[in-house]
Each structure stands twice: as C-alpha cells, then as structure tokens.
Amino acid sequence: MESYQLIIGISVIVLVGFINYKTFFKIAGYGDLPKEKIKFEPIKSLYKKLVKEKVPSDSLLFKYSSNPETRELTFQLLDEFGKTSLFPKEFYTFEKAAESNLINWLYYHDDFDSFPDEIEHFQSVVINSGKDKFNYHVFQFKVYEPHWAAKNDFMFGIVGPFMEGSKPYDLPYLTDSKFKNNENENPKTESERVHEHIFLNKKKPTHNNT
C-alpha cells in the first residue's frame, strides 16, 4: 500500500511538472489517481495525516486555515473525515469562510484567473424579505500588474446569501463580481442586484470550487 501511495505521489509531481496545475486540479480524475487525492492536493500534508488516521498538529491546521487560499478546502477535508471539531475556532466565521470562497472563485474564474493580491471585508448587507433575512458579505479586492484588472484598482466581490440556519462553510448560493472599479459602486445596491437577478432566479449554488 505504501509503495502504491509513493507511485501516486511521484505521478502527481511529474504531471504537475508538465501541465498547468490548475488544469490538472480541475480534472475529475486522472487514470488511477483517486479523485479525492486530486481534490485535496493543495493541502496534501493534512490529507496524508488524516488518511493515516493521525491527529494533525495545531500548527499544521493553523497553517492551512489561516491562509484564505486553503481555508475552505481545509474545512471540507476535515468534514470528509468527520473531524471538523479540529478546525480552528477563530476561522469558523461567515466572514472568514466567505473570504476563502471568493478568493478561490476568482482563481478558478475563466476571465479573472488569479488570486487577488489584496482583499478585505468591506460590508455585510442584510436584505429583508418578509420574515426572511438574507445576509451578503461584500469584499473589496485588487490585483497588481500585469493582470488585466489591475487598472480597475479595488473591485467588489459578493458572497451569499446566508440565512437563518446557515453555517459558515455551507456552499454559498452565489459568488459574484462585475470586475469593475468600486469607486462609483454601492455595496447595498450590488447586493440587491445579485439577490434579485441571480439568487431569486436560481435559488441553488452557482458553483462548486471542489
């Protein structure tokens, strides 16, 4: 079994060396390579611990949870193994989960195709509809040159809605950005836009980063 895992590991390294990693990561399976192995490749150290039924160290869990690029994936991996109680409490918030979701959405978006260089939580917008409350998290983010969107400076990204009964790492119904400079944009108006034109029309998750 150990030999088989070693062969798999070498195969991954060789493949990544010859093809774009993001393309590889999106593949739902590659030959005999287990699907879950590909899915959790960015946090492989944690994956190996859990597969071998070892308790990961606090430092390893903090490493992946503190990084918004791997935070959402870390929670999903722990959930796969029934170990969400190990997830650091300081990152178990709607804001932290939404930030990680948006960052990965941007990375896998065909047009944007990049992690943001800067991102910050801008505002939480609540939309009331009858007895229901819909909470959207609005972030502003930017990228540096040579990315095509660098000229736009800060842009808005919206994640949600989260409702009564929602948990931080539930897959959001939508994640969206117009990739426009936010100087003349309003976070409440933008939240209402995605609520009316996307959420109310779809009412189901619009993407899955995993």
C-alpha atoms as a PDB file:
ATOM      1  CA  MET A   1       0.000   0.000   0.000  1.00  0.00           C
ATOM      2  CA  GLU A   2       2.811   2.391   0.889  1.00  0.00           C
ATOM      3  CA  SER A   3       4.513   1.629  -2.448  1.00  0.00           C
ATOM      4  CA  TYR A   4       1.285   2.339  -4.300  1.00  0.00           C
ATOM      5  CA  GLN A   5       0.917   5.675  -2.489  1.00  0.00           C
ATOM      6  CA  LEU A   6       4.517   6.546  -3.338  1.00  0.00           C
ATOM      7  CA  ILE A   7       3.903   5.810  -7.018  1.00  0.00           C
ATOM      8  CA  ILE A   8       0.833   8.028  -6.915  1.00  0.00           C
ATOM      9  CA  GLY A   9       2.817  10.822  -5.290  1.00  0.00           C
ATOM     10  CA  ILE A  10       5.550  10.645  -7.918  1.00  0.00           C
ATOM     11  CA  SER A  11       2.955  10.605 -10.673  1.00  0.00           C
ATOM     12  CA  VAL A  12       1.419  13.771  -9.292  1.00  0.00           C
ATOM     13  CA  ILE A  13       4.781  15.562  -9.213  1.00  0.00           C
ATOM     14  CA  VAL A  14       5.620  14.521 -12.784  1.00  0.00           C
ATOM     15  CA  LEU A  15       2.211  15.509 -14.127  1.00  0.00           C
ATOM     16  CA  VAL A  16       2.266  18.877 -12.426  1.00  0.00           C
ATOM     17  CA  GLY A  17       5.683  19.484 -13.924  1.00  0.00           C
ATOM     18  CA  PHE A  18       4.364  19.051 -17.461  1.00  0.00           C
ATOM     19  CA  ILE A  19       0.865  20.516 -17.406  1.00  0.00           C
ATOM     20  CA  ASN A  20      -0.723  23.561 -15.884  1.00  0.00           C
ATOM     21  CA  TYR A  21      -1.594  22.761 -12.265  1.00  0.00           C
ATOM     22  CA  LYS A  22      -4.965  24.480 -12.380  1.00  0.00           C
ATOM     23  CA  THR A  23      -5.985  22.416 -15.385  1.00  0.00           C
ATOM     24  CA  PHE A  24      -4.839  19.282 -13.574  1.00  0.00           C
ATOM     25  CA  PHE A  25      -6.700  20.240 -10.425  1.00  0.00           C
ATOM     26  CA  LYS A  26      -9.969  20.685 -12.328  1.00  0.00           C
ATOM     27  CA  ILE A  27      -9.855  17.173 -13.746  1.00  0.00           C
ATOM     28  CA  ALA A  28     -12.427  14.932 -12.023  1.00  0.00           C
ATOM     29  CA  GLY A  29      -9.968  12.037 -12.084  1.00  0.00           C
ATOM     30  CA  TYR A  30      -6.761  11.122 -13.903  1.00  0.00           C
ATOM     31  CA  GLY A  31      -6.127   7.466 -14.691  1.00  0.00           C
ATOM     32  CA  ASP A  32      -5.924   5.552 -11.432  1.00  0.00           C
ATOM     33  CA  LEU A  33      -5.321   8.689  -9.373  1.00  0.00           C
ATOM     34  CA  PRO A  34      -8.074   8.867  -6.684  1.00  0.00           C
ATOM     35  CA  LYS A  35     -10.429  11.794  -7.148  1.00  0.00           C
ATOM     36  CA  GLU A  36     -10.104  12.854  -3.500  1.00  0.00           C
ATOM     37  CA  LYS A  37      -6.310  12.867  -3.879  1.00  0.00           C
ATOM     38  CA  ILE A  38      -6.550  15.460  -6.640  1.00  0.00           C
ATOM     39  CA  LYS A  39      -9.163  17.450  -4.764  1.00  0.00           C
ATOM     40  CA  PHE A  40      -7.034  17.884  -1.666  1.00  0.00           C
ATOM     41  CA  GLU A  41      -3.611  18.142  -3.330  1.00  0.00           C
ATOM     42  CA  PRO A  42      -3.102  21.783  -2.181  1.00  0.00           C
ATOM     43  CA  ILE A  43      -3.253  20.600   1.450  1.00  0.00           C
ATOM     44  CA  LYS A  44      -1.589  17.231   0.938  1.00  0.00           C
ATOM     45  CA  SER A  45       0.269  17.276   4.281  1.00  0.00           C
ATOM     46  CA  LEU A  46      -3.035  17.445   6.136  1.00  0.00           C
ATOM     47  CA  TYR A  47      -4.603  14.913   3.775  1.00  0.00           C
ATOM     48  CA  LYS A  48      -1.828  12.382   4.454  1.00  0.00           C
ATOM     49  CA  LYS A  49      -2.253  12.745   8.218  1.00  0.00           C
ATOM     50  CA  LEU A  50      -5.978  12.097   8.085  1.00  0.00           C
ATOM     51  CA  VAL A  51      -5.684   9.211   5.633  1.00  0.00           C
ATOM     52  CA  LYS A  52      -3.261   7.526   8.052  1.00  0.00           C
ATOM     53  CA  GLU A  53      -5.660   8.257  10.934  1.00  0.00           C
ATOM     54  CA  LYS A  54      -3.169  10.548  12.629  1.00  0.00           C
ATOM     55  CA  VAL A  55      -4.184  13.673  14.517  1.00  0.00           C
ATOM     56  CA  PRO A  56      -2.753  16.727  12.688  1.00  0.00           C
ATOM     57  CA  SER A  57      -0.828  19.218  14.774  1.00  0.00           C
ATOM     58  CA  ASP A  58      -2.331  22.564  15.730  1.00  0.00           C
ATOM     59  CA  SER A  59       0.397  24.309  13.747  1.00  0.00           C
ATOM     60  CA  LEU A  60      -0.481  22.388  10.573  1.00  0.00           C
ATOM     61  CA  LEU A  61      -4.188  23.129  10.991  1.00  0.00           C
ATOM     62  CA  PHE A  62      -3.431  26.803  11.619  1.00  0.00           C
ATOM     63  CA  LYS A  63      -1.163  26.955   8.571  1.00  0.00           C
ATOM     64  CA  TYR A  64      -3.921  25.914   6.179  1.00  0.00           C
ATOM     65  CA  SER A  65      -6.835  27.581   7.978  1.00  0.00           C
ATOM     66  CA  SER A  66      -5.151  30.971   8.296  1.00  0.00           C
ATOM     67  CA  ASN A  67      -4.433  31.047   4.565  1.00  0.00           C
ATOM     68  CA  PRO A  68      -7.655  32.063   2.763  1.00  0.00           C
ATOM     69  CA  GLU A  69      -6.482  30.206  -0.339  1.00  0.00           C
ATOM     70  CA  THR A  70      -6.707  26.865   1.507  1.00  0.00           C
ATOM     71  CA  ARG A  71      -9.103  27.693   4.361  1.00  0.00           C
ATOM     72  CA  GLU A  72     -12.344  26.500   2.752  1.00  0.00           C
ATOM     73  CA  LEU A  73     -10.663  23.365   1.394  1.00  0.00           C
ATOM     74  CA  THR A  74      -9.260  22.605   4.856  1.00  0.00           C
ATOM     75  CA  PHE A  75     -12.709  22.657   6.405  1.00  0.00           C
ATOM     76  CA  GLN A  76     -14.074  20.475   3.590  1.00  0.00           C
ATOM     77  CA  LEU A  77     -11.296  17.942   4.112  1.00  0.00           C
ATOM     78  CA  LEU A  78     -11.892  17.786   7.853  1.00  0.00           C
ATOM     79  CA  ASP A  79     -15.595  17.381   7.135  1.00  0.00           C
ATOM     80  CA  GLU A  80     -14.845  14.444   4.817  1.00  0.00           C
ATOM     81  CA  PHE A  81     -13.140  12.696   7.741  1.00  0.00           C
ATOM     82  CA  GLY A  82     -15.667  13.791  10.384  1.00  0.00           C
ATOM     83  CA  LYS A  83     -13.023  15.961  12.070  1.00  0.00           C
ATOM     84  CA  THR A  84     -14.483  19.473  11.858  1.00  0.00           C
ATOM     85  CA  SER A  85     -14.030  19.840  15.618  1.00  0.00           C
ATOM     86  CA  LEU A  86     -10.303  20.242  14.855  1.00  0.00           C
ATOM     87  CA  PHE A  87     -10.885  23.314  12.691  1.00  0.00           C
ATOM     88  CA  PRO A  88      -9.522  26.448  14.460  1.00  0.00           C
ATOM     89  CA  LYS A  89     -12.424  28.313  16.022  1.00  0.00           C
ATOM     90  CA  GLU A  90     -11.088  31.753  15.075  1.00  0.00           C
ATOM     91  CA  PHE A  91     -11.616  30.916  11.395  1.00  0.00           C
ATOM     92  CA  TYR A  92     -15.062  29.404  11.833  1.00  0.00           C
ATOM     93  CA  THR A  93     -16.979  32.559  10.901  1.00  0.00           C
ATOM     94  CA  PHE A  94     -19.138  33.561   7.944  1.00  0.00           C
ATOM     95  CA  GLU A  95     -16.709  36.332   7.069  1.00  0.00           C
ATOM     96  CA  LYS A  96     -13.650  34.060   7.007  1.00  0.00           C
ATOM     97  CA  ALA A  97     -15.492  31.367   5.056  1.00  0.00           C
ATOM     98  CA  ALA A  98     -16.850  33.850   2.515  1.00  0.00           C
ATOM     99  CA  GLU A  99     -13.407  35.379   2.021  1.00  0.00           C
ATOM    100  CA  SER A 100     -11.897  31.992   1.196  1.00  0.00           C
ATOM    101  CA  ASN A 101     -14.780  31.138  -1.105  1.00  0.00           C
ATOM    102  CA  LEU A 102     -14.415  34.389  -3.057  1.00  0.00           C
ATOM    103  CA  ILE A 103     -10.646  34.061  -3.381  1.00  0.00           C
ATOM    104  CA  ASN A 104     -10.928  30.587  -4.872  1.00  0.00           C
ATOM    105  CA  TRP A 105     -13.827  31.627  -7.097  1.00  0.00           C
ATOM    106  CA  LEU A 106     -11.620  34.362  -8.548  1.00  0.00           C
ATOM    107  CA  TYR A 107      -8.779  31.907  -9.077  1.00  0.00           C
ATOM    108  CA  TYR A 108     -10.947  29.451 -10.995  1.00  0.00           C
ATOM    109  CA  HIS A 109     -12.941  32.089 -12.871  1.00  0.00           C
ATOM    110  CA  ASP A 110     -12.093  31.786 -16.571  1.00  0.00           C
ATOM    111  CA  ASP A 111     -11.859  35.566 -17.024  1.00  0.00           C
ATOM    112  CA  PHE A 112     -10.161  36.601 -13.773  1.00  0.00           C
ATOM    113  CA  ASP A 113      -7.920  33.541 -13.400  1.00  0.00           C
ATOM    114  CA  SER A 114      -5.942  34.728 -10.366  1.00  0.00           C
ATOM    115  CA  PHE A 115      -5.865  35.029  -6.602  1.00  0.00           C
ATOM    116  CA  PRO A 116      -6.279  38.674  -5.528  1.00  0.00           C
ATOM    117  CA  ASP A 117      -3.187  40.470  -4.263  1.00  0.00           C
ATOM    118  CA  GLU A 118      -5.237  42.392  -1.702  1.00  0.00           C
ATOM    119  CA  ILE A 119      -8.639  41.678  -0.191  1.00  0.00           C
ATOM    120  CA  GLU A 120     -10.625  42.969   2.760  1.00  0.00           C
ATOM    121  CA  HIS A 121     -14.110  42.616   4.132  1.00  0.00           C
ATOM    122  CA  PHE A 122     -15.971  45.780   3.164  1.00  0.00           C
ATOM    123  CA  GLN A 123     -19.515  45.411   4.458  1.00  0.00           C
ATOM    124  CA  SER A 124     -22.197  42.935   5.476  1.00  0.00           C
ATOM    125  CA  VAL A 125     -25.523  43.682   3.777  1.00  0.00           C
ATOM    126  CA  VAL A 126     -28.827  42.310   5.063  1.00  0.00           C
ATOM    127  CA  ILE A 127     -31.786  42.164   2.705  1.00  0.00           C
ATOM    128  CA  ASN A 128     -35.167  41.722   4.371  1.00  0.00           C
ATOM    129  CA  SER A 129     -37.928  39.899   2.528  1.00  0.00           C
ATOM    130  CA  GLY A 130     -40.994  39.242   4.627  1.00  0.00           C
ATOM    131  CA  LYS A 131     -39.864  37.247   7.633  1.00  0.00           C
ATOM    132  CA  ASP A 132     -36.652  36.176   5.916  1.00  0.00           C
ATOM    133  CA  LYS A 133     -33.275  37.875   6.192  1.00  0.00           C
ATOM    134  CA  PHE A 134     -30.595  37.361   3.555  1.00  0.00           C
ATOM    135  CA  ASN A 135     -27.058  38.246   4.578  1.00  0.00           C
ATOM    136  CA  TYR A 136     -24.463  39.032   1.903  1.00  0.00           C
ATOM    137  CA  HIS A 137     -20.770  39.610   2.555  1.00  0.00           C
ATOM    138  CA  VAL A 138     -19.179  42.252   0.358  1.00  0.00           C
ATOM    139  CA  PHE A 139     -15.400  42.322  -0.087  1.00  0.00           C
ATOM    140  CA  GLN A 140     -13.160  44.669  -1.980  1.00  0.00           C
ATOM    141  CA  PHE A 141     -10.125  43.250  -3.730  1.00  0.00           C
ATOM    142  CA  LYS A 142      -7.460  44.195  -6.234  1.00  0.00           C
ATOM    143  CA  VAL A 143      -4.674  42.651  -8.307  1.00  0.00           C
ATOM    144  CA  TYR A 144      -1.345  44.039  -9.409  1.00  0.00           C
ATOM    145  CA  GLU A 145       0.187  44.354 -12.851  1.00  0.00           C
ATOM    146  CA  PRO A 146       0.465  42.608 -15.255  1.00  0.00           C
ATOM    147  CA  HIS A 147      -3.074  41.312 -14.587  1.00  0.00           C
ATOM    148  CA  TRP A 148      -5.620  42.902 -16.941  1.00  0.00           C
ATOM    149  CA  ALA A 149      -7.821  44.012 -13.992  1.00  0.00           C
ATOM    150  CA  ALA A 150      -5.025  45.915 -12.224  1.00  0.00           C
ATOM    151  CA  LYS A 151      -6.251  49.132 -13.862  1.00  0.00           C
ATOM    152  CA  ASN A 152      -9.576  48.772 -12.006  1.00  0.00           C
ATOM    153  CA  ASP A 153      -7.922  49.159  -8.600  1.00  0.00           C
ATOM    154  CA  PHE A 154     -10.379  47.938  -5.913  1.00  0.00           C
ATOM    155  CA  MET A 155     -13.397  45.934  -7.067  1.00  0.00           C
ATOM    156  CA  PHE A 156     -16.337  44.451  -5.187  1.00  0.00           C
ATOM    157  CA  GLY A 157     -16.935  40.733  -4.743  1.00  0.00           C
ATOM    158  CA  ILE A 158     -20.125  39.405  -3.143  1.00  0.00           C
ATOM    159  CA  VAL A 159     -20.770  36.074  -1.402  1.00  0.00           C
ATOM    160  CA  GLY A 160     -24.091  34.802  -0.056  1.00  0.00           C
ATOM    161  CA  PRO A 161     -26.772  34.860   0.916  1.00  0.00           C
ATOM    162  CA  PHE A 162     -26.505  33.303   4.344  1.00  0.00           C
ATOM    163  CA  MET A 163     -29.836  32.801   6.058  1.00  0.00           C
ATOM    164  CA  GLU A 164     -31.239  31.580   9.348  1.00  0.00           C
ATOM    165  CA  GLY A 165     -29.896  28.095   9.876  1.00  0.00           C
ATOM    166  CA  SER A 166     -26.899  28.626   7.591  1.00  0.00           C
ATOM    167  CA  LYS A 167     -23.476  27.526   8.745  1.00  0.00           C
ATOM    168  CA  PRO A 168     -20.274  29.368   7.813  1.00  0.00           C
ATOM    169  CA  TYR A 169     -18.897  26.723   5.457  1.00  0.00           C
ATOM    170  CA  ASP A 170     -22.132  25.819   3.722  1.00  0.00           C
ATOM    171  CA  LEU A 171     -21.608  26.293  -0.021  1.00  0.00           C
ATOM    172  CA  PRO A 172     -22.871  29.817  -0.801  1.00  0.00           C
ATOM    173  CA  TYR A 173     -25.790  30.200  -3.177  1.00  0.00           C
ATOM    174  CA  LEU A 174     -23.723  32.595  -5.244  1.00  0.00           C
ATOM    175  CA  THR A 175     -20.379  34.314  -5.569  1.00  0.00           C
ATOM    176  CA  ASP A 176     -20.183  37.245  -7.949  1.00  0.00           C
ATOM    177  CA  SER A 177     -18.208  40.252  -9.138  1.00  0.00           C
ATOM    178  CA  LYS A 178     -18.579  42.670 -12.047  1.00  0.00           C
ATOM    179  CA  PHE A 179     -14.784  43.231 -12.051  1.00  0.00           C
ATOM    180  CA  LYS A 180     -15.333  46.990 -12.123  1.00  0.00           C
ATOM    181  CA  ASN A 181     -13.727  49.741 -10.083  1.00  0.00           C
ATOM    182  CA  ASN A 182     -15.860  50.142  -6.954  1.00  0.00           C
ATOM    183  CA  GLU A 183     -15.452  53.907  -6.584  1.00  0.00           C
ATOM    184  CA  ASN A 184     -18.923  54.562  -8.011  1.00  0.00           C
ATOM    185  CA  GLU A 185     -20.427  51.276  -6.835  1.00  0.00           C
ATOM    186  CA  ASN A 186     -22.626  50.802  -3.780  1.00  0.00           C
ATOM    187  CA  PRO A 187     -22.317  47.552  -1.772  1.00  0.00           C
ATOM    188  CA  LYS A 188     -26.006  47.561  -0.837  1.00  0.00           C
ATOM    189  CA  THR A 189     -27.104  48.179  -4.431  1.00  0.00           C
ATOM    190  CA  GLU A 190     -24.751  45.480  -5.663  1.00  0.00           C
ATOM    191  CA  SER A 191     -26.075  43.020  -3.099  1.00  0.00           C
ATOM    192  CA  GLU A 192     -29.625  43.806  -4.146  1.00  0.00           C
ATOM    193  CA  ARG A 193     -28.612  43.262  -7.775  1.00  0.00           C
ATOM    194  CA  VAL A 194     -27.238  39.777  -7.217  1.00  0.00           C
ATOM    195  CA  HIS A 195     -30.126  38.941  -4.903  1.00  0.00           C
ATOM    196  CA  GLU A 196     -32.762  39.912  -7.448  1.00  0.00           C
ATOM    197  CA  HIS A 197     -31.117  38.838 -10.686  1.00  0.00           C
ATOM    198  CA  ILE A 198     -29.130  35.780  -9.588  1.00  0.00           C
ATOM    199  CA  PHE A 199     -30.359  34.357  -6.289  1.00  0.00           C
ATOM    200  CA  LEU A 200     -34.092  34.702  -6.897  1.00  0.00           C
ATOM    201  CA  ASN A 201     -33.685  33.245 -10.390  1.00  0.00           C
ATOM    202  CA  LYS A 202     -31.501  30.309  -9.433  1.00  0.00           C
ATOM    203  CA  LYS A 203     -32.049  29.567  -5.733  1.00  0.00           C
ATOM    204  CA  LYS A 204     -29.266  26.997  -5.798  1.00  0.00           C
ATOM    205  CA  PRO A 205     -25.465  27.086  -5.576  1.00  0.00           C
ATOM    206  CA  THR A 206     -23.998  28.648  -8.695  1.00  0.00           C
ATOM    207  CA  HIS A 207     -20.585  26.981  -8.451  1.00  0.00           C
ATOM    208  CA  ASN A 208     -18.577  24.412  -6.598  1.00  0.00           C
ATOM    209  CA  ASN A 209     -14.875  25.041  -6.012  1.00  0.00           C
ATOM    210  CA  THR A 210     -14.207  21.425  -5.266  1.00  0.00           C
END
